[in-house]
Amino acid sequence: MSSIPNYYRLSKHVKNWLLYFKRKHEKNETTRYITKGKNLVFDVPPVFFFVFKEIFMEDFYHIDDLLSHIPNNATIVDIGCNAGYFSFIAVSKKEDATVYAYDPMKVNTDLFSNNIKLNQHLDKQIKVFNKAVTGIEQGSIQLYFDDVNNDSVIASVFENFSEKNNQVTMVETISLIKIIQENNISTIDLLKLDCEGSEYPILYDSPDIVWNYIKHLTIETHELDNEQKNTKALTAFLESKGYSLEMHQAENNCYSIRAYKNA
């Protein structure tokens, strides 16, 4: 019975949702889904199935409530975009939105870019960048990742984020303020962060001016220490910047935070 809400949410967001029951991911096959609302086509290879499930079925971001607070022509910055499923569900419901999406793992942005190509003119609406986002300018940064299980979801700038991250590489970076400047963004209607611990340096280290641009945030937080890299410290920080907050604990033991400025 516990799966019924997940199936219901899937049917709300995905046009060909019954295809899920063919369980192609269990047969190591890619599934091609179509969103409801604005019909967007996208592929879900087995290795990305759990990311798809988190967004479209478990509703980690409480997507309908979240998107009800931003305009149809919203500007969204998606940090830790992975394979792009958050961006796709957002654009399917906010048809005139513009998305700037960033991820340090090339395997993620390659799939994201390929999914965009499946949809005519979507490349004019969603821009994808293979870069890690930082709070301050760094040029490049070390990224720890798992090359045994091909689990690109847990890649992190923190060496001890996951014991599965057995390899390290250098990746190009861009700061949050530079994202705003390079893309001539006047307002970020929604800043989404799902970046395996980088939520802390991105938000803590960015110059104060960035807070003039950001109306809403949705953040997956991870408990990394008892000092500043934890959900309690981050919520206090966001409140000090003038945001009201809602918080939920998810099935993956992380927290989902929505932060918003009152009109």
Foldseek 3Di string as FASTA:
>chain_A
DVQVQLLVLLVQFWPPSVVVVVVVLVVQDKDWTFTAQQTAIAIDGNLRVVVLSVVRGLPQQVPVVVLVQFALQAEEEAALCFQPNVVVSSCSNSVNYAYEYEAQDPVRQVRNVVSCVVDPPCCVRYPYDNAHEFQDDDQKAKWFAAPPSPNSLQIASDPVLDPRRPDIDITGYDYPVVVCVVVVQQAHAEYEDRHSQRVQRNVVRHDLVVLVRYFKYKYWADCDDDPQRGDVNVVVVLVVSQWDWDWDQGPVRIIIIMTGHDD
